[in-house]
Amino acid sequence: MVNDRQNLDLTLFAGPAGGAAVEWLISDAPVPYPEAVAAMEARVAAIAAHQAPELVWLLEHPPLYTAGTSARAADLIEARFPVHAAGRGGQFTYHGPGQRIAYVMLNLKRRGPDVRRFVATLEEWIIRTLGCFNVRGERREDRIGVWVRRPEQGEGREDKIAAIGIRLKRWVSLHGIALNVDPDLSHFSGIVPCGVADARYGVTSLVDLGLPVTMPEVDIALRTEFEGLFGPVCGEPLAAATAEAR
C-alpha cells in the first residue's frame, strides 16, 4: 500500500522564523491522568490566547486505560485499571510506568493548519527517535502510530511501539504520543490496543526488543529529533510539578 503520509514534506512544520522557542518540561514522578488533562486544557487555552508559549510535556502516568472518541465498548476486555474517557482521537490505549508520554501543545494556526501533516510529523518524530537506537520504526497508511517488523515471530508480524492520539482546540493541539520504553506489556491485554485485533499485530517496547535503554536517554533523543522537525525548544531538562504545565 502506498503511504501518502510518507510523501509529505515534514520539515516545513517548524514554526515561523523568529518565533518563540517551544517550552520543554519533564515531570519526574507519575502524574495522575485527570490532573494532566486539566493542566493541558489550561495551557492550551493560554496558548490560544497568546498568553503562554507552546509546550511539550514529557511524563509517565500510573497504570490506566484511556478511551478515545472512536473507542468501542467491546474493546475493553478487562478493566484492570481505571478507565478514562479522553477527548483525543483514536480508540483504547494503555498508559503506565515505563512509557514515555509526550503531550504536545503547538499552535497549528501559526505553524500551518494541516492536521494530516501534523500527525505524519509526529510519526516522523518517533521514527527518528527510534533511529537513534538503531530501531527501524515504520508508519502504516491504515494504522496510525509507529510499527516495528517482527519476522522472527512469524510471517507478517508487526508490533506497535508508539501510539498517537491528538485533539485540537482553537487550532492548538492537545495529547500527543506514547512511546513504549519499558512498560509492563501484559497490561495491554486488558484492551484491544487501538482497536487492532488482528493476531499478527501486537505491542512491543525498546527493552522488549533487547535494548536496555533508559528514560533519560530516550528524552535526549526526543528533544534532539523534535528540534529537527518543529524548531528550537527551551527550558530546564527536568521539572516536576503539574502546576508548571499550566
C-alpha atoms as a PDB file:
ATOM      1  CA  MET A   1       0.000   0.000   0.000  1.00  0.00           C
ATOM      2  CA  VAL A   2       1.333   3.423  -0.927  1.00  0.00           C
ATOM      3  CA  ASN A   3       1.723   5.563   2.157  1.00  0.00           C
ATOM      4  CA  ASP A   4       0.689   9.106   1.237  1.00  0.00           C
ATOM      5  CA  ARG A   5       1.917  10.445   4.584  1.00  0.00           C
ATOM      6  CA  GLN A   6       5.433   9.352   3.593  1.00  0.00           C
ATOM      7  CA  ASN A   7       5.400  11.853   0.709  1.00  0.00           C
ATOM      8  CA  LEU A   8       4.678  14.939   2.800  1.00  0.00           C
ATOM      9  CA  ASP A   9       7.441  17.481   3.397  1.00  0.00           C
ATOM     10  CA  LEU A  10       7.505  17.277   7.166  1.00  0.00           C
ATOM     11  CA  THR A  11      10.372  19.704   7.735  1.00  0.00           C
ATOM     12  CA  LEU A  12       8.062  22.555   6.738  1.00  0.00           C
ATOM     13  CA  PHE A  13       6.161  22.163  10.012  1.00  0.00           C
ATOM     14  CA  ALA A  14       8.710  24.090  12.054  1.00  0.00           C
ATOM     15  CA  GLY A  15       7.447  27.366  13.467  1.00  0.00           C
ATOM     16  CA  PRO A  16       7.901  30.638  11.579  1.00  0.00           C
ATOM     17  CA  ALA A  17      11.340  32.226  11.697  1.00  0.00           C
ATOM     18  CA  GLY A  18      11.777  34.426  14.744  1.00  0.00           C
ATOM     19  CA  GLY A  19       9.034  32.675  16.708  1.00  0.00           C
ATOM     20  CA  ALA A  20       9.432  31.836  20.373  1.00  0.00           C
ATOM     21  CA  ALA A  21      11.031  28.520  21.297  1.00  0.00           C
ATOM     22  CA  VAL A  22       8.802  25.679  22.497  1.00  0.00           C
ATOM     23  CA  GLU A  23       8.932  25.178  26.262  1.00  0.00           C
ATOM     24  CA  TRP A  24      10.214  21.714  27.247  1.00  0.00           C
ATOM     25  CA  LEU A  25       9.037  20.206  30.537  1.00  0.00           C
ATOM     26  CA  ILE A  26       9.771  16.808  32.112  1.00  0.00           C
ATOM     27  CA  SER A  27       7.914  15.527  35.181  1.00  0.00           C
ATOM     28  CA  ASP A  28       9.983  13.118  37.251  1.00  0.00           C
ATOM     29  CA  ALA A  29       7.059  11.443  39.079  1.00  0.00           C
ATOM     30  CA  PRO A  30       3.934   9.791  37.609  1.00  0.00           C
ATOM     31  CA  VAL A  31       1.168  12.325  37.001  1.00  0.00           C
ATOM     32  CA  PRO A  32      -2.486  11.296  37.577  1.00  0.00           C
ATOM     33  CA  TYR A  33      -4.395  11.431  34.305  1.00  0.00           C
ATOM     34  CA  PRO A  34      -7.144  13.878  35.387  1.00  0.00           C
ATOM     35  CA  GLU A  35      -4.512  16.337  36.646  1.00  0.00           C
ATOM     36  CA  ALA A  36      -2.593  16.073  33.383  1.00  0.00           C
ATOM     37  CA  VAL A  37      -5.698  16.723  31.296  1.00  0.00           C
ATOM     38  CA  ALA A  38      -6.681  19.727  33.420  1.00  0.00           C
ATOM     39  CA  ALA A  39      -3.171  21.153  33.092  1.00  0.00           C
ATOM     40  CA  MET A  40      -3.209  20.618  29.326  1.00  0.00           C
ATOM     41  CA  GLU A  41      -6.587  22.265  28.930  1.00  0.00           C
ATOM     42  CA  ALA A  42      -5.448  25.322  30.873  1.00  0.00           C
ATOM     43  CA  ARG A  43      -2.181  25.622  28.985  1.00  0.00           C
ATOM     44  CA  VAL A  44      -3.825  25.201  25.580  1.00  0.00           C
ATOM     45  CA  ALA A  45      -6.289  27.982  26.399  1.00  0.00           C
ATOM     46  CA  ALA A  46      -3.366  30.216  27.348  1.00  0.00           C
ATOM     47  CA  ILE A  47      -1.505  29.373  24.140  1.00  0.00           C
ATOM     48  CA  ALA A  48      -4.580  30.121  22.033  1.00  0.00           C
ATOM     49  CA  ALA A  49      -4.918  33.468  23.821  1.00  0.00           C
ATOM     50  CA  HIS A  50      -1.218  34.239  23.179  1.00  0.00           C
ATOM     51  CA  GLN A  51      -0.581  34.288  26.925  1.00  0.00           C
ATOM     52  CA  ALA A  52       1.852  31.347  27.113  1.00  0.00           C
ATOM     53  CA  PRO A  53       4.435  29.701  24.858  1.00  0.00           C
ATOM     54  CA  GLU A  54       3.900  26.363  23.163  1.00  0.00           C
ATOM     55  CA  LEU A  55       4.798  23.363  25.303  1.00  0.00           C
ATOM     56  CA  VAL A  56       5.991  19.779  25.090  1.00  0.00           C
ATOM     57  CA  TRP A  57       5.404  17.958  28.385  1.00  0.00           C
ATOM     58  CA  LEU A  58       7.113  14.608  28.967  1.00  0.00           C
ATOM     59  CA  LEU A  59       5.697  12.424  31.733  1.00  0.00           C
ATOM     60  CA  GLU A  60       4.524   8.999  32.855  1.00  0.00           C
ATOM     61  CA  HIS A  61       1.120   8.006  34.201  1.00  0.00           C
ATOM     62  CA  PRO A  62       0.113   5.454  36.820  1.00  0.00           C
ATOM     63  CA  PRO A  63      -1.405   2.361  35.118  1.00  0.00           C
ATOM     64  CA  LEU A  64      -4.660   3.267  33.348  1.00  0.00           C
ATOM     65  CA  TYR A  65      -6.650   2.884  30.160  1.00  0.00           C
ATOM     66  CA  THR A  66      -7.940   5.758  28.063  1.00  0.00           C
ATOM     67  CA  ALA A  67     -10.775   5.645  25.567  1.00  0.00           C
ATOM     68  CA  GLY A  68     -10.557   7.910  22.544  1.00  0.00           C
ATOM     69  CA  THR A  69     -13.525   9.294  20.667  1.00  0.00           C
ATOM     70  CA  SER A  70     -13.730   6.174  18.446  1.00  0.00           C
ATOM     71  CA  ALA A  71     -13.415   3.621  21.272  1.00  0.00           C
ATOM     72  CA  ARG A  72     -15.748   0.619  21.178  1.00  0.00           C
ATOM     73  CA  ALA A  73     -17.023  -0.847  24.445  1.00  0.00           C
ATOM     74  CA  ALA A  74     -16.233  -4.373  23.221  1.00  0.00           C
ATOM     75  CA  ASP A  75     -12.528  -3.469  23.024  1.00  0.00           C
ATOM     76  CA  LEU A  76     -12.337  -3.125  26.809  1.00  0.00           C
ATOM     77  CA  ILE A  77     -11.663  -6.769  27.642  1.00  0.00           C
ATOM     78  CA  GLU A  78     -10.884  -6.398  31.340  1.00  0.00           C
ATOM     79  CA  ALA A  79     -10.845  -3.112  33.261  1.00  0.00           C
ATOM     80  CA  ARG A  80      -7.785  -3.942  35.359  1.00  0.00           C
ATOM     81  CA  PHE A  81      -7.015  -0.265  35.831  1.00  0.00           C
ATOM     82  CA  PRO A  82      -9.036   2.969  35.897  1.00  0.00           C
ATOM     83  CA  VAL A  83     -10.624   3.822  32.560  1.00  0.00           C
ATOM     84  CA  HIS A  84     -10.714   7.467  31.474  1.00  0.00           C
ATOM     85  CA  ALA A  85     -12.615   8.998  28.595  1.00  0.00           C
ATOM     86  CA  ALA A  86     -10.158  11.015  26.522  1.00  0.00           C
ATOM     87  CA  GLY A  87     -11.119  13.775  24.138  1.00  0.00           C
ATOM     88  CA  ARG A  88      -8.359  12.724  21.735  1.00  0.00           C
ATOM     89  CA  GLY A  89      -8.967  10.785  18.568  1.00  0.00           C
ATOM     90  CA  GLY A  90      -8.463   7.035  18.437  1.00  0.00           C
ATOM     91  CA  GLN A  91      -9.658   4.094  20.485  1.00  0.00           C
ATOM     92  CA  PHE A  92      -8.473   2.353  23.659  1.00  0.00           C
ATOM     93  CA  THR A  93      -4.863   2.537  24.778  1.00  0.00           C
ATOM     94  CA  TYR A  94      -2.865   1.811  27.896  1.00  0.00           C
ATOM     95  CA  HIS A  95      -0.600   4.191  29.786  1.00  0.00           C
ATOM     96  CA  GLY A  96       1.691   3.298  32.645  1.00  0.00           C
ATOM     97  CA  PRO A  97       5.179   3.437  34.114  1.00  0.00           C
ATOM     98  CA  GLY A  98       7.927   2.776  31.612  1.00  0.00           C
ATOM     99  CA  GLN A  99       6.036   4.510  28.819  1.00  0.00           C
ATOM    100  CA  ARG A 100       7.146   7.970  27.781  1.00  0.00           C
ATOM    101  CA  ILE A 101       4.153  10.203  27.193  1.00  0.00           C
ATOM    102  CA  ALA A 102       4.772  13.413  25.274  1.00  0.00           C
ATOM    103  CA  TYR A 103       1.887  15.868  25.411  1.00  0.00           C
ATOM    104  CA  VAL A 104       2.395  18.263  22.527  1.00  0.00           C
ATOM    105  CA  MET A 105       0.738  21.682  22.715  1.00  0.00           C
ATOM    106  CA  LEU A 106       1.521  23.526  19.493  1.00  0.00           C
ATOM    107  CA  ASN A 107      -0.287  26.348  17.723  1.00  0.00           C
ATOM    108  CA  LEU A 108      -1.158  24.901  14.328  1.00  0.00           C
ATOM    109  CA  LYS A 109      -2.738  28.132  13.196  1.00  0.00           C
ATOM    110  CA  ARG A 110       0.727  29.670  13.379  1.00  0.00           C
ATOM    111  CA  ARG A 111       2.596  26.655  12.051  1.00  0.00           C
ATOM    112  CA  GLY A 112       0.094  25.592   9.403  1.00  0.00           C
ATOM    113  CA  PRO A 113      -3.466  24.251   9.878  1.00  0.00           C
ATOM    114  CA  ASP A 114      -2.782  20.852   8.340  1.00  0.00           C
ATOM    115  CA  VAL A 115      -3.827  18.027  10.677  1.00  0.00           C
ATOM    116  CA  ARG A 116      -2.723  15.270   8.315  1.00  0.00           C
ATOM    117  CA  ARG A 117       0.770  16.681   8.065  1.00  0.00           C
ATOM    118  CA  PHE A 118       0.894  17.261  11.805  1.00  0.00           C
ATOM    119  CA  VAL A 119       0.120  13.594  12.546  1.00  0.00           C
ATOM    120  CA  ALA A 120       2.676  12.489   9.960  1.00  0.00           C
ATOM    121  CA  THR A 121       5.271  14.763  11.554  1.00  0.00           C
ATOM    122  CA  LEU A 122       4.579  13.274  14.979  1.00  0.00           C
ATOM    123  CA  GLU A 123       5.113   9.839  13.429  1.00  0.00           C
ATOM    124  CA  GLU A 124       8.364  11.035  11.896  1.00  0.00           C
ATOM    125  CA  TRP A 125       9.474  12.382  15.267  1.00  0.00           C
ATOM    126  CA  ILE A 126       9.047   8.919  16.764  1.00  0.00           C
ATOM    127  CA  ILE A 127      10.705   7.209  13.802  1.00  0.00           C
ATOM    128  CA  ARG A 128      13.768   9.459  14.043  1.00  0.00           C
ATOM    129  CA  THR A 129      13.924   8.951  17.814  1.00  0.00           C
ATOM    130  CA  LEU A 130      13.859   5.179  17.376  1.00  0.00           C
ATOM    131  CA  GLY A 131      16.587   5.507  14.765  1.00  0.00           C
ATOM    132  CA  CYS A 132      18.862   6.905  17.466  1.00  0.00           C
ATOM    133  CA  PHE A 133      18.735   3.400  18.989  1.00  0.00           C
ATOM    134  CA  ASN A 134      19.069   1.555  15.659  1.00  0.00           C
ATOM    135  CA  VAL A 135      15.400   0.583  15.623  1.00  0.00           C
ATOM    136  CA  ARG A 136      13.530   0.908  12.347  1.00  0.00           C
ATOM    137  CA  GLY A 137      10.084   2.266  13.054  1.00  0.00           C
ATOM    138  CA  GLU A 138       7.587   2.452  10.199  1.00  0.00           C
ATOM    139  CA  ARG A 139       4.250   4.144   9.567  1.00  0.00           C
ATOM    140  CA  ARG A 140       1.247   2.439   8.038  1.00  0.00           C
ATOM    141  CA  GLU A 141      -1.400   4.177   5.970  1.00  0.00           C
ATOM    142  CA  ASP A 142      -4.208   2.135   7.525  1.00  0.00           C
ATOM    143  CA  ARG A 143      -2.887   2.146  11.118  1.00  0.00           C
ATOM    144  CA  ILE A 144      -1.916   5.303  12.977  1.00  0.00           C
ATOM    145  CA  GLY A 145       1.189   5.025  15.127  1.00  0.00           C
ATOM    146  CA  VAL A 146       4.650   3.572  14.616  1.00  0.00           C
ATOM    147  CA  TRP A 147       5.302  -0.113  13.982  1.00  0.00           C
ATOM    148  CA  VAL A 148       8.280  -2.483  14.105  1.00  0.00           C
ATOM    149  CA  ARG A 149       8.536  -5.573  11.916  1.00  0.00           C
ATOM    150  CA  ARG A 150       8.990  -8.830  13.877  1.00  0.00           C
ATOM    151  CA  PRO A 151       9.681 -11.532  11.242  1.00  0.00           C
ATOM    152  CA  GLU A 152      11.288 -13.758  13.869  1.00  0.00           C
ATOM    153  CA  GLN A 153       7.837 -14.102  15.468  1.00  0.00           C
ATOM    154  CA  GLY A 154       6.048 -15.116  12.276  1.00  0.00           C
ATOM    155  CA  GLU A 155       5.329 -14.034   8.744  1.00  0.00           C
ATOM    156  CA  GLY A 156       3.747 -10.603   8.538  1.00  0.00           C
ATOM    157  CA  ARG A 157       4.147  -9.988  12.278  1.00  0.00           C
ATOM    158  CA  GLU A 158       4.408  -6.349  13.329  1.00  0.00           C
ATOM    159  CA  ASP A 159       4.313  -4.812  16.784  1.00  0.00           C
ATOM    160  CA  LYS A 160       3.278  -1.301  17.716  1.00  0.00           C
ATOM    161  CA  ILE A 161       5.913   0.577  19.666  1.00  0.00           C
ATOM    162  CA  ALA A 162       4.274   4.001  19.820  1.00  0.00           C
ATOM    163  CA  ALA A 163       0.738   5.349  19.728  1.00  0.00           C
ATOM    164  CA  ILE A 164      -0.509   8.757  18.592  1.00  0.00           C
ATOM    165  CA  GLY A 165      -3.727  10.488  19.577  1.00  0.00           C
ATOM    166  CA  ILE A 166      -4.441  14.200  19.270  1.00  0.00           C
ATOM    167  CA  ARG A 167      -7.175  16.755  19.683  1.00  0.00           C
ATOM    168  CA  LEU A 168      -7.359  20.377  18.555  1.00  0.00           C
ATOM    169  CA  LYS A 169      -8.899  23.342  20.376  1.00  0.00           C
ATOM    170  CA  ARG A 170      -8.799  26.642  18.523  1.00  0.00           C
ATOM    171  CA  TRP A 171      -6.069  25.057  16.372  1.00  0.00           C
ATOM    172  CA  VAL A 172      -3.869  24.303  19.385  1.00  0.00           C
ATOM    173  CA  SER A 173      -3.022  20.617  19.814  1.00  0.00           C
ATOM    174  CA  LEU A 174      -3.600  18.508  22.933  1.00  0.00           C
ATOM    175  CA  HIS A 175      -2.463  14.991  23.825  1.00  0.00           C
ATOM    176  CA  GLY A 176       0.288  13.592  21.592  1.00  0.00           C
ATOM    177  CA  ILE A 177       2.394  10.425  21.597  1.00  0.00           C
ATOM    178  CA  ALA A 178       3.112   7.422  23.821  1.00  0.00           C
ATOM    179  CA  LEU A 179       6.413   5.609  23.241  1.00  0.00           C
ATOM    180  CA  ASN A 180       6.948   2.238  24.905  1.00  0.00           C
ATOM    181  CA  VAL A 181      10.347   2.257  26.590  1.00  0.00           C
ATOM    182  CA  ASP A 182       9.905  -0.438  29.248  1.00  0.00           C
ATOM    183  CA  PRO A 183       6.245  -0.742  30.312  1.00  0.00           C
ATOM    184  CA  ASP A 184       4.649  -3.974  31.524  1.00  0.00           C
ATOM    185  CA  LEU A 185       3.395  -5.220  28.145  1.00  0.00           C
ATOM    186  CA  SER A 186       0.982  -7.665  29.802  1.00  0.00           C
ATOM    187  CA  HIS A 187      -1.135  -4.669  30.826  1.00  0.00           C
ATOM    188  CA  PHE A 188      -2.092  -4.133  27.189  1.00  0.00           C
ATOM    189  CA  SER A 189      -4.005  -7.440  27.217  1.00  0.00           C
ATOM    190  CA  GLY A 190      -6.891  -5.817  29.101  1.00  0.00           C
ATOM    191  CA  ILE A 191      -7.859  -3.974  25.917  1.00  0.00           C
ATOM    192  CA  VAL A 192      -7.750  -4.305  22.155  1.00  0.00           C
ATOM    193  CA  PRO A 193      -4.992  -1.710  21.679  1.00  0.00           C
ATOM    194  CA  CYS A 194      -6.130   0.993  19.265  1.00  0.00           C
ATOM    195  CA  GLY A 195      -8.858  -1.358  18.038  1.00  0.00           C
ATOM    196  CA  VAL A 196      -6.391  -3.576  16.126  1.00  0.00           C
ATOM    197  CA  ALA A 197      -7.485  -7.164  16.850  1.00  0.00           C
ATOM    198  CA  ASP A 198      -5.501  -8.949  14.118  1.00  0.00           C
ATOM    199  CA  ALA A 199      -3.253 -11.538  15.808  1.00  0.00           C
ATOM    200  CA  ARG A 200      -0.362 -10.545  13.551  1.00  0.00           C
ATOM    201  CA  TYR A 201      -0.147  -7.176  15.274  1.00  0.00           C
ATOM    202  CA  GLY A 202       0.961  -6.838  18.885  1.00  0.00           C
ATOM    203  CA  VAL A 203       2.806  -4.343  21.066  1.00  0.00           C
ATOM    204  CA  THR A 204       6.475  -4.047  21.885  1.00  0.00           C
ATOM    205  CA  SER A 205       8.940  -1.736  23.606  1.00  0.00           C
ATOM    206  CA  LEU A 206      12.573  -0.775  23.305  1.00  0.00           C
ATOM    207  CA  VAL A 207      13.511  -3.099  26.153  1.00  0.00           C
ATOM    208  CA  ASP A 208      11.371  -5.900  24.684  1.00  0.00           C
ATOM    209  CA  LEU A 209      13.429  -5.520  21.507  1.00  0.00           C
ATOM    210  CA  GLY A 210      16.564  -6.210  23.546  1.00  0.00           C
ATOM    211  CA  LEU A 211      17.671  -2.611  24.055  1.00  0.00           C
ATOM    212  CA  PRO A 212      18.373  -1.667  27.701  1.00  0.00           C
ATOM    213  CA  VAL A 213      17.514   1.982  27.073  1.00  0.00           C
ATOM    214  CA  THR A 214      16.840   4.370  29.951  1.00  0.00           C
ATOM    215  CA  MET A 215      14.146   7.027  30.031  1.00  0.00           C
ATOM    216  CA  PRO A 216      16.690   9.894  30.195  1.00  0.00           C
ATOM    217  CA  GLU A 217      18.368   8.529  27.060  1.00  0.00           C
ATOM    218  CA  VAL A 218      15.015   8.471  25.288  1.00  0.00           C
ATOM    219  CA  ASP A 219      14.263  12.009  26.467  1.00  0.00           C
ATOM    220  CA  ILE A 220      17.526  13.292  24.999  1.00  0.00           C
ATOM    221  CA  ALA A 221      16.754  11.667  21.655  1.00  0.00           C
ATOM    222  CA  LEU A 222      13.184  13.022  21.676  1.00  0.00           C
ATOM    223  CA  ARG A 223      14.405  16.552  22.289  1.00  0.00           C
ATOM    224  CA  THR A 224      17.072  16.397  19.576  1.00  0.00           C
ATOM    225  CA  GLU A 225      14.730  14.979  16.950  1.00  0.00           C
ATOM    226  CA  PHE A 226      11.882  17.311  17.908  1.00  0.00           C
ATOM    227  CA  GLU A 227      14.057  20.329  17.198  1.00  0.00           C
ATOM    228  CA  GLY A 228      14.898  18.993  13.762  1.00  0.00           C
ATOM    229  CA  LEU A 229      11.210  18.883  12.830  1.00  0.00           C
ATOM    230  CA  PHE A 230       9.434  21.535  14.892  1.00  0.00           C
ATOM    231  CA  GLY A 231      12.141  24.048  15.782  1.00  0.00           C
ATOM    232  CA  PRO A 232      14.050  25.042  18.925  1.00  0.00           C
ATOM    233  CA  VAL A 233      12.982  24.289  22.475  1.00  0.00           C
ATOM    234  CA  CYS A 234      13.883  25.886  25.777  1.00  0.00           C
ATOM    235  CA  GLY A 235      13.561  25.057  29.440  1.00  0.00           C
ATOM    236  CA  GLU A 236      15.253  23.058  32.129  1.00  0.00           C
ATOM    237  CA  PRO A 237      15.889  19.389  31.340  1.00  0.00           C
ATOM    238  CA  LEU A 238      13.937  18.323  34.429  1.00  0.00           C
ATOM    239  CA  ALA A 239      10.912  19.813  36.156  1.00  0.00           C
ATOM    240  CA  ALA A 240       8.327  18.136  38.317  1.00  0.00           C
ATOM    241  CA  ALA A 241       5.128  19.894  39.176  1.00  0.00           C
ATOM    242  CA  THR A 242       1.827  19.569  37.392  1.00  0.00           C
ATOM    243  CA  ALA A 243       1.204  23.248  38.086  1.00  0.00           C
ATOM    244  CA  GLU A 244       4.231  24.130  35.960  1.00  0.00           C
ATOM    245  CA  ALA A 245       2.414  22.821  32.903  1.00  0.00           C
ATOM    246  CA  ARG A 246      -0.469  25.215  33.421  1.00  0.00           C
END
